[in-house]
């Protein structure tokens, strides 16, 4: 009897593990690469004579394009599977990096690092990867599985930041960007693994995907979904500002050269533990309560870092705490959407929620450059990130996480 049970459950375990590994690798490449963009602000400004505002706008634009393209990428993955979406996204991402590598001026940089990278990252990150993981994992393990994928994806930031820093210092901007483009092309085939369940013939009992307009209209009437979407704006605003402008800010504070890259790598390292921990907490406590505390902790950390004296130790502590709270919001937010609405349209619903995140990302990255060019200081943005976090916490605690009963939204694949 035990042998029969082992044979019965081993394939499902192996299949889930493969999907988690593939998802982590895809996220590792895509998220790791985009987290290096802050390292290029100074070089693009000094070597190519571009204003900081323009460089920050290009980086910010990819966040905005990512947000607007994300619902369509999620809907395409819901309907056609992850494989073609990931392949298209990885190729487009690589093309954008290649164009940025040879860009002589602002227009090509905006098209490459802004438009093309934004489209590419929308097809190779959370909105396409996490729904695939959410569908294959059992409901009680879903939050943990999403946390594991997010944690594994953080390895890219740990590896990419020092890699890019080393290549850029020794071989220049173009070589480092072409290297990143090559790495993106390597992950293009991994989308097929995310669709492994369908290829193996696992029983999937799903109704046809409902029209996107109907799905979104029904979700928009849910107060908790509206609050979650508004609160997710803060996550993007805080993370994009820090990831884009922390290296330059530390330079202004006369910190050692390379400390900014070290801080970004440490954020990625601690984010591995933080994402796993948030996934674990989301499986044991109400996810919107965990999110509320996450935003509070993050805001207190940012405020303390801003007002206290700067030192190498304070930067390391700041990076560690921020890493623990960095992307833990993603498995919690996507898990909460899945809990309330089911997984059938998770790609589309999380995609719209994520659009709010990316509008915040655009503003965090762009306003950082604009405010610095206008005032010569980042102070206003540091204060804004603290205030936004406090507001986000207040929005998350009252969310109603009761599952809806609308059939069009709650059709679940057979486990």
Protein backbone atom coordinates (compact mmCIF):
# COMPACT_ATOMS: atom_id res chain seq x y z
CA UNK A 1 0.00 0.00 0.00
CA UNK A 2 2.79 2.41 0.88
CA UNK A 3 4.58 1.56 -2.37
CA UNK A 4 1.46 2.32 -4.36
CA UNK A 5 1.04 5.62 -2.61
CA UNK A 6 4.69 6.50 -3.29
CA UNK A 7 4.24 5.80 -6.98
CA UNK A 8 1.07 7.82 -7.01
CA UNK A 9 2.44 10.96 -5.35
CA UNK A 10 6.06 11.01 -6.54
CA UNK A 11 5.27 12.31 -10.08
CA UNK A 12 3.20 15.19 -8.67
CA UNK A 13 6.02 16.07 -6.27
CA UNK A 14 8.63 15.97 -9.02
CA UNK A 15 6.41 17.95 -11.36
CA UNK A 16 5.80 20.67 -8.78
CA UNK A 17 9.50 20.81 -7.95
CA UNK A 18 10.43 21.25 -11.61
CA UNK A 19 7.95 24.09 -12.02
CA UNK A 20 9.27 25.81 -8.89
CA UNK A 21 12.88 25.48 -10.10
CA UNK A 22 12.05 26.75 -13.59
CA UNK A 23 10.06 29.65 -12.16
CA UNK A 24 12.91 30.56 -9.81
CA UNK A 25 15.43 30.55 -12.67
CA UNK A 26 13.24 32.73 -14.88
CA UNK A 27 12.64 35.22 -12.07
CA UNK A 28 16.31 35.07 -11.11
CA UNK A 29 17.41 36.25 -14.54
CA UNK A 30 14.69 38.82 -15.19
CA UNK A 31 14.53 40.38 -11.71
CA UNK A 32 18.27 40.15 -11.13
CA UNK A 33 19.04 42.02 -14.35
CA UNK A 34 16.57 44.84 -13.79
CA UNK A 35 17.90 45.36 -10.26
CA UNK A 36 21.29 46.30 -11.74
CA UNK A 37 19.98 49.34 -13.62
CA UNK A 38 20.80 51.72 -10.78
CA UNK A 39 24.49 50.93 -11.33
CA UNK A 40 24.29 52.53 -14.79
CA UNK A 41 23.03 55.99 -13.76
CA UNK A 42 26.47 57.40 -13.00
CA UNK A 43 28.25 55.80 -16.01
CA UNK A 44 25.55 56.85 -18.49
CA UNK A 45 25.70 60.37 -17.07
CA UNK A 46 29.50 60.72 -17.02
CA UNK A 47 30.50 58.61 -20.05
CA UNK A 48 27.70 59.55 -22.45
CA UNK A 49 26.76 62.96 -21.09
CA UNK A 50 23.11 62.14 -20.39
CA UNK A 51 21.21 64.01 -17.65
CA UNK A 52 20.24 62.00 -14.57
CA UNK A 53 16.57 62.87 -15.11
CA UNK A 54 16.60 61.26 -18.58
CA UNK A 55 18.37 58.10 -17.40
CA UNK A 56 15.99 57.82 -14.46
CA UNK A 57 13.05 58.31 -16.85
CA UNK A 58 14.23 55.42 -19.05
CA UNK A 59 14.55 53.15 -16.01
CA UNK A 60 11.21 54.38 -14.69
CA UNK A 61 9.51 53.88 -18.05
CA UNK A 62 10.28 50.16 -18.10
CA UNK A 63 8.40 49.90 -14.80
CA UNK A 64 5.38 51.69 -16.25
CA UNK A 65 5.40 49.67 -19.48
CA UNK A 66 5.79 46.52 -17.39
CA UNK A 67 2.70 47.48 -15.45
CA UNK A 68 0.52 48.24 -18.48
CA UNK A 69 1.70 45.19 -20.43
CA UNK A 70 1.41 42.87 -17.44
CA UNK A 71 -2.39 42.26 -17.57
CA UNK A 72 -2.12 41.33 -21.25
CA UNK A 73 0.86 39.04 -20.60
CA UNK A 74 -1.08 37.40 -17.76
CA UNK A 75 -4.18 37.00 -19.92
CA UNK A 76 -2.08 35.49 -22.73
CA UNK A 77 -0.49 33.04 -20.29
CA UNK A 78 -3.94 32.15 -18.89
CA UNK A 79 -5.21 31.39 -22.39
CA UNK A 80 -2.20 30.07 -24.34
CA UNK A 81 0.22 28.87 -21.67
CA UNK A 82 3.47 30.25 -20.32
CA UNK A 83 5.89 28.90 -22.94
CA UNK A 84 5.22 31.35 -25.80
CA UNK A 85 4.85 34.28 -23.41
CA UNK A 86 8.19 33.62 -21.66
CA UNK A 87 10.01 33.03 -24.96
CA UNK A 88 8.68 36.26 -26.45
CA UNK A 89 9.46 38.19 -23.28
CA UNK A 90 13.02 36.93 -22.92
CA UNK A 91 13.80 37.78 -26.55
CA UNK A 92 12.29 41.26 -26.27
CA UNK A 93 14.11 41.87 -22.96
CA UNK A 94 17.43 40.90 -24.60
CA UNK A 95 16.75 43.17 -27.57
CA UNK A 96 16.11 46.11 -25.24
CA UNK A 97 19.36 45.54 -23.37
CA UNK A 98 21.27 45.29 -26.64
CA UNK A 99 19.76 48.55 -27.89
CA UNK A 100 20.65 50.30 -24.62
CA UNK A 101 24.22 49.02 -24.96
CA UNK A 102 24.76 50.86 -28.23
CA UNK A 103 22.48 53.83 -27.56
CA UNK A 104 24.35 57.07 -28.39
CA UNK A 105 21.64 59.28 -26.91
CA UNK A 106 18.48 59.47 -24.87
CA UNK A 107 15.93 58.36 -27.49
CA UNK A 108 17.46 54.92 -28.08
CA UNK A 109 18.05 54.45 -24.36
CA UNK A 110 14.38 55.15 -23.66
CA UNK A 111 13.23 52.71 -26.37
CA UNK A 112 15.66 50.00 -25.26
CA UNK A 113 15.77 50.19 -21.47
CA UNK A 114 12.30 51.69 -21.22
CA UNK A 115 9.92 50.24 -23.81
CA UNK A 116 11.46 46.91 -24.86
CA UNK A 117 12.75 45.93 -21.42
CA UNK A 118 9.35 46.82 -19.95
CA UNK A 119 7.54 44.51 -22.38
CA UNK A 120 10.09 41.77 -21.82
CA UNK A 121 10.00 41.89 -18.04
CA UNK A 122 6.18 41.78 -18.03
CA UNK A 123 6.36 38.37 -19.72
CA UNK A 124 9.13 36.86 -17.59
CA UNK A 125 8.31 37.79 -14.01
CA UNK A 126 5.68 37.36 -11.31
CA UNK A 127 2.50 37.75 -13.33
CA UNK A 128 3.34 34.86 -15.63
CA UNK A 129 5.48 32.70 -13.33
CA UNK A 130 3.52 32.81 -10.05
CA UNK A 131 0.12 31.91 -11.57
CA UNK A 132 1.73 28.82 -13.15
CA UNK A 133 3.09 27.84 -9.74
CA UNK A 134 -0.22 28.68 -8.05
CA UNK A 135 -2.14 26.37 -10.37
CA UNK A 136 0.08 23.36 -9.82
CA UNK A 137 0.42 23.73 -6.04
CA UNK A 138 -2.33 22.60 -3.68
CA UNK A 139 -4.28 25.41 -1.95
CA UNK A 140 -2.68 24.73 1.44
CA UNK A 141 0.84 24.81 -0.09
CA UNK A 142 0.26 27.63 -2.56
CA UNK A 143 1.59 30.52 -0.48
CA UNK A 144 4.72 28.54 0.44
CA UNK A 145 5.36 27.52 -3.20
CA UNK A 146 5.05 31.13 -4.37
CA UNK A 147 7.38 32.22 -1.58
CA UNK A 148 9.96 29.62 -2.62
CA UNK A 149 9.88 30.79 -6.23
CA UNK A 150 10.21 34.43 -5.18
CA UNK A 151 13.08 33.51 -2.85
CA UNK A 152 14.86 31.54 -5.55
CA UNK A 153 14.37 34.42 -7.94
CA UNK A 154 16.23 36.69 -5.54
CA UNK A 155 19.40 34.75 -6.22
CA UNK A 156 19.61 36.67 -9.48
CA UNK A 157 20.03 39.97 -7.67
CA UNK A 158 22.77 38.51 -5.45
CA UNK A 159 24.68 37.23 -8.49
CA UNK A 160 23.91 39.88 -11.12
CA UNK A 161 24.84 43.02 -9.19
CA UNK A 162 28.49 42.10 -8.49
CA UNK A 163 28.77 40.51 -11.95
CA UNK A 164 27.60 43.67 -13.70
CA UNK A 165 29.70 45.88 -11.45
CA UNK A 166 32.83 43.88 -12.26
CA UNK A 167 32.22 43.72 -16.01
CA UNK A 168 31.30 47.40 -16.22
CA UNK A 169 34.41 48.54 -14.37
CA UNK A 170 36.69 46.36 -16.49
CA UNK A 171 35.03 46.32 -19.91
CA UNK A 172 32.51 49.17 -19.99
CA UNK A 173 28.78 49.71 -20.22
CA UNK A 174 28.21 48.03 -23.58
CA UNK A 175 29.90 44.74 -22.68
CA UNK A 176 28.01 44.44 -19.41
CA UNK A 177 24.64 45.06 -21.11
CA UNK A 178 25.39 42.58 -23.92
CA UNK A 179 26.29 39.98 -21.29
CA UNK A 180 22.95 40.51 -19.60
CA UNK A 181 21.16 40.21 -22.96
CA UNK A 182 22.82 36.83 -23.57
CA UNK A 183 21.74 35.59 -20.15
CA UNK A 184 18.14 36.56 -20.88
CA UNK A 185 18.18 34.53 -24.09
CA UNK A 186 19.27 31.45 -22.13
CA UNK A 187 16.05 31.41 -20.09
CA UNK A 188 13.71 31.67 -23.11
CA UNK A 189 12.99 27.87 -23.30
CA UNK A 190 12.16 27.52 -19.58
CA UNK A 191 8.56 28.59 -20.11
CA UNK A 192 7.90 25.12 -21.46
CA UNK A 193 8.59 23.70 -18.00
CA UNK A 194 5.94 25.98 -16.49
CA UNK A 195 3.42 24.32 -18.83
CA UNK A 196 4.64 20.85 -17.87
CA UNK A 197 1.33 19.88 -16.26
CA UNK A 198 -0.59 20.27 -19.50
CA UNK A 199 2.03 18.42 -21.55
CA UNK A 200 2.05 15.47 -19.18
CA UNK A 201 -1.69 15.13 -19.58
CA UNK A 202 -2.62 15.88 -15.98
CA UNK A 203 -6.37 16.24 -15.50
CA UNK A 204 -7.19 19.92 -15.68
CA UNK A 205 -10.90 20.63 -15.41
CA UNK A 206 -11.29 24.27 -16.31
CA UNK A 207 -13.99 26.31 -17.88
CA UNK A 208 -12.92 28.46 -20.82
CA UNK A 209 -11.34 31.74 -19.79
CA UNK A 210 -13.97 34.42 -19.29
CA UNK A 211 -13.62 37.72 -21.17
CA UNK A 212 -11.05 39.92 -19.50
CA UNK A 213 -13.47 42.83 -19.23
CA UNK A 214 -16.00 40.71 -17.31
CA UNK A 215 -13.36 39.31 -14.97
CA UNK A 216 -12.01 42.74 -14.12
CA UNK A 217 -15.45 44.28 -13.70
CA UNK A 218 -16.45 41.63 -11.16
CA UNK A 219 -13.16 41.94 -9.27
CA UNK A 220 -13.40 45.75 -9.21
CA UNK A 221 -16.62 45.50 -7.21
CA UNK A 222 -14.73 43.74 -4.39
CA UNK A 223 -13.62 46.32 -1.78
CA UNK A 224 -10.68 44.20 -0.63
CA UNK A 225 -9.35 43.95 -4.19
CA UNK A 226 -9.51 47.72 -4.53
CA UNK A 227 -7.63 48.27 -1.27
CA UNK A 228 -5.02 45.65 -2.17
CA UNK A 229 -4.47 47.29 -5.54
CA UNK A 230 -4.10 50.75 -4.00
CA UNK A 231 -1.73 49.48 -1.31
CA UNK A 232 0.48 47.68 -3.83
CA UNK A 233 1.32 51.09 -5.33
CA UNK A 234 3.49 51.76 -2.28
CA UNK A 235 5.56 48.63 -2.74
CA UNK A 236 6.54 49.69 -6.24
CA UNK A 237 7.19 53.29 -5.21
CA UNK A 238 9.51 52.35 -2.34
CA UNK A 239 11.43 49.58 -4.09
CA UNK A 240 12.01 51.40 -7.37
CA UNK A 241 13.27 54.53 -5.65
CA UNK A 242 15.72 52.59 -3.48
CA UNK A 243 16.91 50.20 -6.20
CA UNK A 244 17.43 53.03 -8.69
CA UNK A 245 18.89 55.77 -6.52
CA UNK A 246 20.51 54.13 -3.48
CA UNK A 247 23.97 53.79 -5.12
CA UNK A 248 24.00 57.47 -6.15
CA UNK A 249 22.63 58.55 -2.76
CA UNK A 250 25.43 56.71 -0.95
CA UNK A 251 27.96 58.43 -3.21
CA UNK A 252 26.53 61.79 -2.18
CA UNK A 253 26.93 60.72 1.46
CA UNK A 254 30.64 60.09 0.74
CA UNK A 255 30.33 56.36 1.33
CA UNK A 256 33.04 54.04 -0.07
CA UNK A 257 32.97 53.27 -3.80
CA UNK A 258 31.17 50.02 -4.46
CA UNK A 259 29.08 50.15 -1.27
CA UNK A 260 25.96 50.84 -3.35
CA UNK A 261 26.47 47.63 -5.35
CA UNK A 262 27.15 45.75 -2.11
CA UNK A 263 23.92 47.10 -0.61
CA UNK A 264 21.86 45.99 -3.63
CA UNK A 265 23.43 42.54 -3.51
CA UNK A 266 22.70 42.28 0.22
CA UNK A 267 19.09 43.25 -0.41
CA UNK A 268 18.84 40.37 -2.86
CA UNK A 269 20.55 37.97 -0.48
CA UNK A 270 18.26 38.75 2.46
CA UNK A 271 15.26 38.85 0.16
CA UNK A 272 15.74 35.12 -0.41
CA UNK A 273 15.04 34.49 3.27
CA UNK A 274 12.40 37.21 3.44
CA UNK A 275 10.37 35.91 0.49
CA UNK A 276 10.42 32.37 1.88
CA UNK A 277 9.46 33.62 5.34
CA UNK A 278 6.60 35.73 3.98
CA UNK A 279 5.32 32.75 2.00
CA UNK A 280 5.48 30.66 5.19
CA UNK A 281 3.72 33.35 7.23
CA UNK A 282 1.07 33.72 4.54
CA UNK A 283 0.21 30.06 4.91
CA UNK A 284 -0.30 30.39 8.68
CA UNK A 285 -1.69 33.86 9.23
CA UNK A 286 -4.10 36.08 7.36
CA UNK A 287 -2.12 37.38 4.43
CA UNK A 288 -3.41 40.95 4.53
CA UNK A 289 -2.36 41.24 8.19
CA UNK A 290 1.16 40.06 7.31
CA UNK A 291 1.23 42.63 4.49
CA UNK A 292 0.19 45.41 6.87
CA UNK A 293 3.01 44.62 9.29
CA UNK A 294 5.45 44.31 6.39
CA UNK A 295 4.74 47.85 5.23
CA UNK A 296 5.05 49.18 8.78
CA UNK A 297 8.43 47.52 9.32
CA UNK A 298 9.67 48.75 5.97
CA UNK A 299 8.61 52.35 6.65
CA UNK A 300 10.22 52.44 10.11
CA UNK A 301 13.45 51.05 8.60
CA UNK A 302 13.52 53.63 5.80
CA UNK A 303 12.83 56.47 8.21
CA UNK A 304 15.54 55.38 10.64
CA UNK A 305 18.09 55.01 7.84
CA UNK A 306 17.31 58.47 6.50
CA UNK A 307 17.57 60.38 9.79
CA UNK A 308 20.44 58.49 11.46
CA UNK A 309 24.13 59.08 10.65
CA UNK A 310 25.43 57.09 7.67
CA UNK A 311 28.14 54.49 8.00
CA UNK A 312 29.08 51.25 6.30
CA UNK A 313 27.44 49.36 9.16
CA UNK A 314 24.19 51.33 8.95
CA UNK A 315 24.03 50.69 5.18
CA UNK A 316 24.52 46.95 5.72
CA UNK A 317 21.82 46.84 8.40
CA UNK A 318 19.45 48.86 6.21
CA UNK A 319 20.06 46.55 3.22
CA UNK A 320 19.50 43.45 5.37
CA UNK A 321 16.18 44.62 6.83
CA UNK A 322 14.96 45.95 3.49
CA UNK A 323 15.90 42.63 1.89
CA UNK A 324 13.81 40.73 4.43
CA UNK A 325 10.78 42.85 3.46
CA UNK A 326 11.67 43.47 -0.20
CA UNK A 327 9.61 41.13 -2.39
CA UNK A 328 7.74 39.27 0.32
CA UNK A 329 4.74 41.39 -0.67
CA UNK A 330 4.49 39.57 -4.01
CA UNK A 331 3.68 36.00 -2.86
CA UNK A 332 1.42 37.46 -0.17
CA UNK A 333 -0.46 39.70 -2.61
CA UNK A 334 -0.79 37.07 -5.33
CA UNK A 335 -1.71 34.47 -2.73
CA UNK A 336 -4.42 36.75 -1.35
CA UNK A 337 -5.85 37.29 -4.83
CA UNK A 338 -5.87 33.52 -5.35
CA UNK A 339 -7.57 32.97 -1.98
CA UNK A 340 -10.35 35.44 -2.73
CA UNK A 341 -10.90 34.80 -6.44
CA UNK A 342 -9.34 31.40 -7.20
CA UNK A 343 -6.57 30.65 -9.70
CA UNK A 344 -8.44 30.45 -13.02
CA UNK A 345 -7.89 34.15 -13.79
CA UNK A 346 -5.03 34.77 -11.40
CA UNK A 347 -2.72 35.99 -14.16
CA UNK A 348 -5.20 38.65 -15.25
CA UNK A 349 -6.33 39.74 -11.78
CA UNK A 350 -2.86 39.92 -10.30
CA UNK A 351 -1.74 41.69 -13.47
CA UNK A 352 -4.12 44.60 -12.90
CA UNK A 353 -3.18 44.73 -9.23
CA UNK A 354 0.46 44.76 -10.32
CA UNK A 355 -0.22 47.69 -12.64
CA UNK A 356 -0.72 49.82 -9.54
CA UNK A 357 2.64 48.54 -8.26
CA UNK A 358 4.33 49.57 -11.48
CA UNK A 359 2.79 53.03 -11.56
CA UNK A 360 4.36 53.44 -8.14
CA UNK A 361 7.65 52.07 -9.51
CA UNK A 362 7.61 54.57 -12.36
CA UNK A 363 7.05 57.48 -10.00
CA UNK A 364 9.63 56.26 -7.47
CA UNK A 365 12.39 55.92 -10.06
CA UNK A 366 11.56 59.00 -12.16
CA UNK A 367 10.73 61.42 -9.35
CA UNK A 368 13.97 60.48 -7.63
CA UNK A 369 15.93 61.74 -10.63
CA UNK A 370 13.69 64.76 -11.17
CA UNK A 371 13.77 65.89 -7.54
CA UNK A 372 17.54 65.43 -7.41
CA UNK A 373 18.09 67.52 -10.56
CA UNK A 374 15.79 70.24 -9.20
CA UNK A 375 16.96 70.35 -5.59
CA UNK A 376 20.31 68.55 -5.50
CA UNK A 377 18.93 66.23 -2.79
CA UNK A 378 16.89 63.04 -2.40
CA UNK A 379 15.38 64.11 0.95
CA UNK A 380 11.82 64.68 -0.29
CA UNK A 381 11.66 61.19 -1.78
CA UNK A 382 12.96 59.49 1.36
CA UNK A 383 10.24 61.23 3.36
CA UNK A 384 7.61 60.27 0.76
CA UNK A 385 8.55 56.57 0.93
CA UNK A 386 8.03 56.57 4.71
CA UNK A 387 4.61 58.24 4.45
CA UNK A 388 3.49 55.94 1.62
CA UNK A 389 4.34 52.87 3.69
CA UNK A 390 2.26 54.05 6.62
CA UNK A 391 -0.72 54.65 4.33
CA UNK A 392 -0.30 51.21 2.74
CA UNK A 393 -0.36 49.53 6.15
CA UNK A 394 -3.64 51.24 7.02
CA UNK A 395 -5.14 50.10 3.71
CA UNK A 396 -4.22 46.43 4.18
CA UNK A 397 -5.40 45.69 7.72
CA UNK A 398 -9.16 46.13 6.98
CA UNK A 399 -9.19 43.98 3.79
CA UNK A 400 -11.92 41.33 3.66
CA UNK A 401 -10.28 38.06 2.53
CA UNK A 402 -13.47 36.00 2.28
CA UNK A 403 -13.59 33.93 -0.91
CA UNK A 404 -16.05 35.12 -3.52
CA UNK A 405 -18.63 32.75 -4.97
CA UNK A 406 -18.75 34.11 -8.52
CA UNK A 407 -18.44 31.01 -10.75
CA UNK A 408 -16.63 32.82 -13.56
CA UNK A 409 -13.84 33.78 -11.18
CA UNK A 410 -13.59 30.76 -8.91
CA UNK A 411 -13.27 27.84 -11.36
CA UNK A 412 -10.25 25.90 -10.09
CA UNK A 413 -8.15 23.30 -11.91
CA UNK A 414 -8.37 19.81 -10.46
CA UNK A 415 -5.58 19.07 -8.01
